[in-house]
Amino acid sequence: MANKEIQERILRALENGPLYITQIAKNTSLSKNTVGKYVEILTESGKVGIVEFANTKMVHLNKR
């Protein structure tokens, strides 16, 4: 699977609102490690933001 396709799957999963990493993984059939890696890439590019609660991360789309 291409990097861009993985990023697009994550972005589509977030279209209906913020999700935890585990929820994104479940909704996209990707591993939590893969989601975490690509969320970091998407965060660096400014496409998503992260809010941390204790040891969990809530991911949301950044407004364009």
Protein backbone atom coordinates (compact mmCIF):
# COMPACT_ATOMS: atom_id res chain seq x y z
CA MET A 1 0.00 0.00 0.00
CA ALA A 2 1.39 3.41 -0.96
CA ASN A 3 2.18 6.05 1.65
CA LYS A 4 -0.26 8.52 0.11
CA GLU A 5 -3.07 5.94 0.19
CA ILE A 6 -2.51 5.30 3.90
CA GLN A 7 -2.58 9.04 4.62
CA GLU A 8 -5.79 9.43 2.62
CA ARG A 9 -7.45 6.56 4.53
CA ILE A 10 -6.59 8.24 7.83
CA LEU A 11 -7.84 11.63 6.64
CA ARG A 12 -11.13 10.08 5.42
CA ALA A 13 -11.59 8.39 8.80
CA LEU A 14 -11.33 11.81 10.48
CA GLU A 15 -13.89 13.54 8.24
CA ASN A 16 -16.71 12.89 10.72
CA GLY A 17 -14.82 14.16 13.75
CA PRO A 18 -11.86 13.49 16.04
CA LEU A 19 -10.84 9.92 16.83
CA TYR A 20 -8.35 8.14 19.05
CA ILE A 21 -5.45 6.32 17.38
CA THR A 22 -7.08 2.97 18.25
CA GLN A 23 -10.36 4.05 16.63
CA ILE A 24 -8.56 5.15 13.46
CA ALA A 25 -6.75 1.80 13.35
CA LYS A 26 -10.03 -0.10 13.72
CA ASN A 27 -11.87 2.03 11.12
CA THR A 28 -9.07 1.76 8.54
CA SER A 29 -7.94 -1.84 9.22
CA LEU A 30 -4.40 -0.56 9.82
CA SER A 31 -2.20 -1.38 12.80
CA LYS A 32 -1.90 1.12 15.66
CA ASN A 33 1.82 1.45 14.89
CA THR A 34 1.13 2.30 11.25
CA VAL A 35 -1.56 4.82 12.21
CA GLY A 36 0.76 6.40 14.78
CA LYS A 37 3.55 6.75 12.23
CA TYR A 38 1.34 8.37 9.60
CA VAL A 39 -0.46 10.60 12.10
CA GLU A 40 2.96 11.97 13.00
CA ILE A 41 3.68 12.66 9.32
CA LEU A 42 0.25 14.30 8.88
CA THR A 43 0.83 16.39 12.00
CA GLU A 44 4.18 17.64 10.70
CA SER A 45 2.53 18.62 7.41
CA GLY A 46 -0.21 20.51 9.30
CA LYS A 47 -3.10 18.38 8.04
CA VAL A 48 -4.07 17.03 11.47
CA GLY A 49 -3.67 18.03 15.08
CA ILE A 50 -3.28 15.95 18.22
CA VAL A 51 -4.69 16.46 21.70
CA GLU A 52 -3.10 14.23 24.31
CA PHE A 53 -5.05 12.87 27.29
CA ALA A 54 -2.84 10.97 29.75
CA ASN A 55 -1.47 8.17 27.56
CA THR A 56 -3.92 8.46 24.65
CA LYS A 57 -3.99 10.73 21.62
CA MET A 58 -7.09 12.25 20.04
CA VAL A 59 -6.49 13.17 16.39
CA HIS A 60 -8.49 15.80 14.51
CA LEU A 61 -8.42 17.42 11.09
CA ASN A 62 -6.95 20.90 11.05
CA LYS A 63 -9.18 23.51 9.47
CA ARG A 64 -8.06 24.34 5.97
